[in-house]
Amino acid sequence: MGRLQPSVGQPPASFRRAARAKRAKATLNTLIPSLLAAHPRARRGIDSAELILDPPRASSPASTSPTPPRITLRVTDTLRAARSLTSHHPRVALLNMASPLHPGGGFLTGASSQEESLCMRTTLLPSLSDAHYRLPDLGAIYTPDVLVFREGTSDDAPVMEKRDRWFVDVITAAMPRNPETKVDDDGFAAYADPKDRELVAAKMRMVMRVCRARGVGAVVLGAWGCGAYGNPVGEVARAWKRVLLPKSGKKKPETWEDMDIVFAIKDAGMAAAFAEAFGEGLEEEEADEDDEEEEEESEEGQEMVDLRMRIDELRVRVEKAPSPQLKQGLAAVLAGLEAQLPGNTT
């Protein structure tokens, strides 16, 4: 059913980005320091943040009757998914799908993907020390007790009352950016180099080992590295499945019993593609009313907005490429990104 009221026009994208950048600076320089003074637990969390490098294989909890992990998919925002888990688990973590180069990604310049949204709504950014960057391939920053102080993803979301604020642990790690991809006859993107597939699975396993080592009972993950970073959603979904639901073999598989695992993916089209590629073992949950309203208002997730912008830029670069070799290389990257668009079958 369509809208009953006419749409309200929005300012140009450049204006909105500039406004977000201004708000980001005020959040970091003024709001967060005042919140840390009022919430010593959040300050201790920042001071306790650590870079964890290539953690060892995790040992399963000493449970007399371990249960397989519960793996669900929700078309929702990362923090909203995490909030719903805090009433059932004493320690909840979420994956900050981060920039490998810059703490907070493009937060201070007005970008608005997942990492920037976390920085706008929580005390995460002060814990991301410059000394930890560039993030190692198999490394993650673990920040306990991150304070969540804004609810909702709109640019004008207010600060919550003190009694409504809550805490979550955050794992900050990065995926490869724009890996070389190929497109098969059915129009699906895949990694051109098998080493990228192996690296991605190793990164995912690293994240889960960090969770296990820190006593996390529930974790919110996502379509990590898809969208603007150009990792094929099918590859990412299947890699998560291999890590979370490993098949038995000669070596005892590394498993994640008793964990509650939620994939939070805001874009409905990407969520559908992820679920199809993951296949059996993933339970899809219906979006709640708030998520549906937010999706209708935005009409497409920021990840898809960033992806389309990247595609437009690459099309121009392909047209202006000074050599056939460069044109061919850029065209291959472009084809891989275009294959990420929902409903693309060519």
Protein backbone atom coordinates (compact mmCIF):
# COMPACT_ATOMS: atom_id res chain seq x y z
CA MET A 1 0.00 0.00 0.00
CA GLY A 2 1.40 3.37 -0.98
CA ARG A 3 1.62 6.51 1.09
CA LEU A 4 -1.63 8.31 1.85
CA GLN A 5 0.18 11.60 2.38
CA PRO A 6 2.41 13.35 -0.15
CA SER A 7 6.15 12.91 0.32
CA VAL A 8 7.98 15.79 1.91
CA GLY A 9 10.89 16.96 -0.18
CA GLN A 10 14.37 16.54 1.29
CA PRO A 11 17.32 18.92 0.99
CA PRO A 12 20.01 18.02 -1.55
CA ALA A 13 22.31 15.15 -0.57
CA SER A 14 25.30 17.49 -0.25
CA PHE A 15 23.39 19.68 2.21
CA ARG A 16 22.34 16.68 4.31
CA ARG A 17 25.91 15.39 4.37
CA ALA A 18 27.24 18.76 5.50
CA ALA A 19 24.61 18.87 8.24
CA ARG A 20 25.57 15.38 9.40
CA ALA A 21 29.25 16.37 9.47
CA LYS A 22 28.45 19.38 11.65
CA ARG A 23 26.39 17.23 14.00
CA ALA A 24 29.10 14.58 14.10
CA LYS A 25 31.70 17.10 15.27
CA ALA A 26 29.35 18.38 17.97
CA THR A 27 28.63 14.82 19.07
CA LEU A 28 32.31 13.91 19.36
CA ASN A 29 33.63 17.15 20.84
CA THR A 30 30.78 18.22 23.14
CA LEU A 31 28.10 15.59 23.70
CA ILE A 32 30.22 12.48 24.25
CA PRO A 33 32.54 14.11 26.84
CA SER A 34 29.50 15.17 28.86
CA LEU A 35 28.03 11.67 28.64
CA LEU A 36 31.28 10.07 29.77
CA ALA A 37 31.28 12.29 32.84
CA ALA A 38 27.80 11.02 33.69
CA HIS A 39 28.50 7.36 32.86
CA PRO A 40 31.79 6.12 34.38
CA ARG A 41 31.09 2.65 33.00
CA ALA A 42 31.33 4.02 29.46
CA ARG A 43 34.64 5.72 30.28
CA ARG A 44 36.01 2.44 31.66
CA GLY A 45 34.89 0.71 28.47
CA ILE A 46 36.90 3.14 26.34
CA ASP A 47 39.95 2.69 28.56
CA SER A 48 39.59 -1.11 28.28
CA ALA A 49 39.41 -1.22 24.48
CA GLU A 50 42.09 -3.47 23.00
CA LEU A 51 43.37 -4.65 19.65
CA ILE A 52 43.12 -8.44 19.46
CA LEU A 53 45.33 -10.10 16.85
CA ASP A 54 44.56 -13.48 15.30
CA PRO A 55 42.99 -15.06 18.40
CA PRO A 56 43.50 -18.80 18.91
CA ARG A 57 40.83 -21.41 18.30
CA ALA A 58 38.04 -20.95 20.81
CA SER A 59 37.11 -23.63 23.30
CA SER A 60 33.43 -24.47 23.62
CA PRO A 61 31.75 -23.63 26.92
CA ALA A 62 31.64 -26.38 29.51
CA SER A 63 27.95 -27.16 29.05
CA THR A 64 26.49 -30.55 29.88
CA SER A 65 23.92 -30.20 27.11
CA PRO A 66 25.18 -27.75 24.46
CA THR A 67 22.73 -26.56 21.85
CA PRO A 68 23.50 -25.48 18.27
CA PRO A 69 23.69 -21.73 17.68
CA ARG A 70 20.43 -19.99 16.88
CA ILE A 71 20.96 -18.00 13.68
CA THR A 72 18.35 -15.47 12.59
CA LEU A 73 18.03 -12.73 9.98
CA ARG A 74 16.19 -9.48 10.63
CA VAL A 75 15.58 -6.59 8.29
CA THR A 76 16.56 -4.02 10.86
CA ASP A 77 19.24 -1.73 12.20
CA THR A 78 22.27 -3.15 14.06
CA LEU A 79 21.59 -1.38 17.35
CA ARG A 80 17.90 -2.20 17.32
CA ALA A 81 18.74 -5.87 16.90
CA ALA A 82 21.29 -5.69 19.72
CA ARG A 83 18.82 -3.97 22.05
CA SER A 84 16.34 -6.80 21.62
CA LEU A 85 18.96 -9.29 22.80
CA THR A 86 19.98 -7.52 26.01
CA SER A 87 16.96 -8.80 27.95
CA HIS A 88 17.99 -12.42 27.32
CA HIS A 89 21.79 -12.27 27.50
CA PRO A 90 24.09 -10.60 30.06
CA ARG A 91 26.75 -9.83 27.42
CA VAL A 92 25.75 -8.79 23.90
CA ALA A 93 28.18 -7.69 21.20
CA LEU A 94 27.81 -6.31 17.71
CA LEU A 95 30.12 -6.17 14.72
CA ASN A 96 31.18 -2.71 13.61
CA MET A 97 31.73 -3.27 9.88
CA ALA A 98 34.52 -0.77 9.82
CA SER A 99 36.86 1.16 7.60
CA PRO A 100 40.32 -0.44 7.73
CA LEU A 101 42.03 2.95 7.43
CA HIS A 102 40.16 5.57 9.45
CA PRO A 103 38.61 5.37 12.95
CA GLY A 104 34.90 5.92 12.46
CA GLY A 105 35.13 5.79 8.68
CA GLY A 106 33.62 8.95 7.21
CA PHE A 107 31.79 9.96 10.38
CA LEU A 108 33.31 13.43 10.66
CA THR A 109 32.75 14.14 6.96
CA GLY A 110 29.05 13.29 7.05
CA ALA A 111 28.97 9.73 5.74
CA SER A 112 26.15 7.58 7.07
CA SER A 113 26.81 3.88 6.65
CA GLN A 114 26.74 1.42 9.54
CA GLU A 115 29.99 2.47 11.23
CA GLU A 116 29.13 6.17 11.03
CA SER A 117 25.67 5.47 12.46
CA LEU A 118 27.25 3.68 15.42
CA CYS A 119 29.56 6.64 16.03
CA MET A 120 26.63 9.06 15.95
CA ARG A 121 24.61 7.06 18.46
CA THR A 122 27.21 5.61 20.85
CA THR A 123 30.48 6.30 22.64
CA LEU A 124 32.38 3.97 20.31
CA LEU A 125 34.60 6.43 18.42
CA PRO A 126 36.84 7.57 21.33
CA SER A 127 37.84 3.91 21.83
CA LEU A 128 39.14 3.53 18.26
CA SER A 129 42.73 4.62 18.76
CA ASP A 130 44.72 5.88 15.78
CA ALA A 131 47.52 3.58 16.92
CA HIS A 132 45.48 0.52 15.87
CA TYR A 133 45.16 1.63 12.24
CA ARG A 134 45.55 0.36 9.56
CA LEU A 135 43.46 -2.50 11.02
CA PRO A 136 45.28 -5.83 10.57
CA ASP A 137 43.68 -8.42 8.29
CA LEU A 138 43.11 -10.74 11.25
CA GLY A 139 42.73 -8.17 13.98
CA ALA A 140 39.81 -6.50 15.73
CA ILE A 141 39.33 -3.78 18.32
CA TYR A 142 37.18 -5.02 21.18
CA THR A 143 35.39 -2.28 23.12
CA PRO A 144 33.29 -3.34 26.12
CA ASP A 145 30.50 -1.28 27.65
CA VAL A 146 29.81 1.11 24.79
CA LEU A 147 27.03 3.50 25.78
CA VAL A 148 24.08 3.84 23.38
CA PHE A 149 22.54 7.29 23.77
CA ARG A 150 20.53 7.89 20.59
CA GLU A 151 17.61 5.84 19.35
CA GLY A 152 16.73 5.63 15.67
CA THR A 153 18.79 6.29 12.57
CA SER A 154 17.30 9.58 11.39
CA ASP A 155 19.64 12.55 11.16
CA ASP A 156 17.70 14.36 13.89
CA ALA A 157 17.38 11.47 16.38
CA PRO A 158 17.42 12.99 19.89
CA VAL A 159 19.53 11.93 22.87
CA MET A 160 17.69 9.43 25.04
CA GLU A 161 16.79 10.07 28.65
CA LYS A 162 19.43 8.72 31.01
CA ARG A 163 17.18 5.90 32.21
CA ASP A 164 16.73 4.66 28.63
CA ARG A 165 20.40 4.48 27.68
CA TRP A 166 22.04 1.09 27.54
CA PHE A 167 25.35 -0.68 26.96
CA VAL A 168 26.69 -3.09 24.35
CA ASP A 169 30.12 -4.48 23.45
CA VAL A 170 31.50 -3.69 19.98
CA ILE A 171 33.93 -5.63 17.77
CA THR A 172 35.51 -3.37 15.15
CA ALA A 173 36.96 -5.16 12.13
CA ALA A 174 37.25 -4.56 8.39
CA MET A 175 36.63 -6.52 5.21
CA PRO A 176 38.61 -6.30 1.94
CA ARG A 177 37.66 -3.27 -0.13
CA ASN A 178 36.76 -3.76 -3.79
CA PRO A 179 38.28 -7.22 -4.25
CA GLU A 180 38.54 -8.46 -7.82
CA THR A 181 35.35 -10.25 -8.77
CA LYS A 182 33.90 -12.14 -11.69
CA VAL A 183 30.32 -12.66 -12.80
CA ASP A 184 29.05 -16.09 -13.81
CA ASP A 185 26.57 -16.89 -16.59
CA ASP A 186 23.65 -16.43 -14.19
CA GLY A 187 24.76 -12.91 -13.27
CA PHE A 188 26.03 -13.69 -9.77
CA ALA A 189 29.25 -12.12 -8.54
CA ALA A 190 32.06 -14.21 -7.04
CA TYR A 191 35.61 -13.65 -5.91
CA ALA A 192 38.07 -13.96 -8.78
CA ASP A 193 40.87 -14.99 -6.41
CA PRO A 194 40.19 -17.94 -4.06
CA LYS A 195 42.57 -16.33 -1.55
CA ASP A 196 39.99 -13.59 -0.96
CA ARG A 197 37.41 -16.24 -0.12
CA GLU A 198 39.81 -17.80 2.38
CA LEU A 199 40.68 -14.43 3.93
CA VAL A 200 37.03 -13.49 4.38
CA ALA A 201 36.26 -16.76 6.16
CA ALA A 202 39.32 -16.28 8.39
CA LYS A 203 38.12 -12.79 9.32
CA MET A 204 34.70 -14.14 10.25
CA ARG A 205 36.21 -16.93 12.32
CA MET A 206 38.37 -14.33 14.07
CA VAL A 207 35.28 -12.31 15.03
CA MET A 208 33.57 -15.36 16.47
CA ARG A 209 36.68 -16.33 18.43
CA VAL A 210 36.76 -12.86 19.96
CA CYS A 211 33.13 -13.31 20.99
CA ARG A 212 33.85 -16.65 22.60
CA ALA A 213 36.97 -15.40 24.40
CA ARG A 214 35.08 -12.44 25.87
CA GLY A 215 32.07 -14.43 27.08
CA VAL A 216 29.61 -13.01 24.56
CA GLY A 217 26.32 -14.91 24.53
CA ALA A 218 24.69 -13.07 21.63
CA VAL A 219 26.18 -11.18 18.69
CA VAL A 220 24.76 -9.03 15.90
CA LEU A 221 26.49 -9.53 12.55
CA GLY A 222 25.62 -8.32 9.04
CA ALA A 223 26.22 -8.49 5.30
CA TRP A 224 29.82 -7.57 6.09
CA GLY A 225 31.68 -5.85 3.28
CA CYS A 226 28.77 -5.90 0.82
CA GLY A 227 27.47 -2.76 -0.83
CA ALA A 228 30.10 -0.06 -1.39
CA TYR A 229 33.02 -2.34 -0.45
CA GLY A 230 32.14 -4.63 -3.34
CA ASN A 231 32.23 -8.03 -1.64
CA PRO A 232 29.63 -10.27 -3.33
CA VAL A 233 26.67 -10.84 -1.03
CA GLY A 234 26.43 -14.49 -2.03
CA GLU A 235 30.08 -15.08 -1.18
CA VAL A 236 29.71 -13.33 2.17
CA ALA A 237 26.57 -15.26 3.12
CA ARG A 238 28.09 -18.61 2.21
CA ALA A 239 31.29 -17.77 4.09
CA TRP A 240 29.31 -16.99 7.22
CA LYS A 241 27.51 -20.31 6.87
CA ARG A 242 30.77 -22.24 6.52
CA VAL A 243 32.10 -20.59 9.68
CA LEU A 244 28.95 -20.79 11.80
CA LEU A 245 27.69 -24.20 10.65
CA PRO A 246 30.85 -26.10 9.69
CA LYS A 247 30.61 -29.57 8.25
CA SER A 248 32.22 -32.48 10.06
CA GLY A 249 35.53 -33.69 8.68
CA LYS A 250 38.79 -35.24 9.70
CA LYS A 251 39.44 -32.34 12.05
CA LYS A 252 36.89 -31.53 14.73
CA PRO A 253 35.06 -28.42 13.51
CA GLU A 254 35.10 -25.18 15.45
CA THR A 255 31.53 -24.66 16.60
CA TRP A 256 29.56 -21.99 18.43
CA GLU A 257 27.13 -23.83 20.70
CA ASP A 258 24.70 -21.90 22.85
CA MET A 259 25.24 -18.62 20.98
CA ASP A 260 22.45 -16.39 19.71
CA ILE A 261 23.54 -14.97 16.34
CA VAL A 262 21.52 -12.29 14.53
CA PHE A 263 22.19 -10.92 11.07
CA ALA A 264 20.83 -7.36 10.95
CA ILE A 265 20.53 -6.09 7.37
CA LYS A 266 18.58 -2.87 6.81
CA ASP A 267 18.14 -3.18 3.06
CA ALA A 268 15.35 -5.65 2.30
CA GLY A 269 16.72 -6.52 -1.14
CA MET A 270 20.16 -7.31 0.21
CA ALA A 271 18.63 -9.27 3.09
CA ALA A 272 16.70 -11.43 0.62
CA ALA A 273 19.81 -12.11 -1.45
CA PHE A 274 21.75 -12.95 1.72
CA ALA A 275 19.08 -15.38 2.92
CA GLU A 276 18.90 -17.12 -0.44
CA ALA A 277 22.66 -17.65 -0.55
CA PHE A 278 22.90 -18.75 3.10
CA GLY A 279 20.13 -21.31 2.67
CA GLU A 280 19.19 -23.84 5.32
CA GLY A 281 20.09 -23.00 8.89
CA LEU A 282 19.02 -19.35 8.81
CA GLU A 283 15.73 -18.35 10.39
CA GLU A 284 14.14 -15.25 8.87
CA GLU A 285 12.15 -13.00 11.19
CA GLU A 286 9.60 -10.45 10.09
CA ALA A 287 10.51 -6.82 10.54
CA ASP A 288 8.66 -5.07 13.34
CA GLU A 289 6.46 -2.06 12.67
CA ASP A 290 9.19 0.47 13.48
CA ASP A 291 11.56 -1.17 11.01
CA GLU A 292 8.90 -1.23 8.30
CA GLU A 293 8.13 2.46 8.79
CA GLU A 294 11.80 3.37 8.71
CA GLU A 295 12.34 1.31 5.56
CA GLU A 296 9.38 3.01 3.86
CA GLU A 297 10.68 6.45 4.77
CA SER A 298 14.20 5.81 3.50
CA GLU A 299 13.08 3.51 0.63
CA GLU A 300 16.55 2.01 0.41
CA GLY A 301 19.34 1.40 2.87
CA GLN A 302 22.37 3.64 2.98
CA GLU A 303 24.47 0.69 1.84
CA MET A 304 22.58 0.66 -1.45
CA VAL A 305 22.89 4.42 -1.78
CA ASP A 306 26.66 4.15 -1.35
CA LEU A 307 26.79 1.23 -3.78
CA ARG A 308 24.94 3.14 -6.49
CA MET A 309 27.20 6.16 -6.00
CA ARG A 310 30.25 3.92 -6.36
CA ILE A 311 28.80 2.38 -9.53
CA ASP A 312 28.15 5.80 -11.04
CA GLU A 313 31.74 6.86 -10.29
CA LEU A 314 33.16 3.70 -11.83
CA ARG A 315 31.09 4.07 -14.99
CA VAL A 316 32.65 7.48 -15.56
CA ARG A 317 36.13 6.10 -14.89
CA VAL A 318 35.58 3.25 -17.35
CA GLU A 319 34.55 5.72 -20.05
CA LYS A 320 37.63 7.89 -19.43
CA ALA A 321 40.18 5.10 -18.91
CA PRO A 322 43.34 6.01 -20.89
CA SER A 323 44.31 2.43 -21.74
CA PRO A 324 42.51 -0.80 -22.72
CA GLN A 325 44.11 -2.64 -19.81
CA LEU A 326 42.86 -0.14 -17.24
CA LYS A 327 39.44 -0.02 -18.89
CA GLN A 328 39.20 -3.82 -18.70
CA GLY A 329 40.19 -3.90 -15.04
CA LEU A 330 37.75 -1.17 -14.05
CA ALA A 331 34.99 -2.84 -16.06
CA ALA A 332 35.50 -6.07 -14.12
CA VAL A 333 35.16 -4.23 -10.81
CA LEU A 334 32.09 -2.41 -12.14
CA ALA A 335 30.44 -5.68 -13.18
CA GLY A 336 30.98 -7.09 -9.71
CA LEU A 337 29.38 -4.06 -8.06
CA GLU A 338 26.43 -4.05 -10.46
CA ALA A 339 25.78 -7.69 -9.60
CA GLN A 340 25.19 -6.58 -5.98
CA LEU A 341 22.11 -4.53 -6.91
CA PRO A 342 18.88 -6.18 -5.74
CA GLY A 343 17.08 -7.96 -8.57
CA ASN A 344 20.10 -7.85 -10.90
CA THR A 345 20.28 -10.99 -13.02
CA THR A 346 22.39 -9.81 -15.92
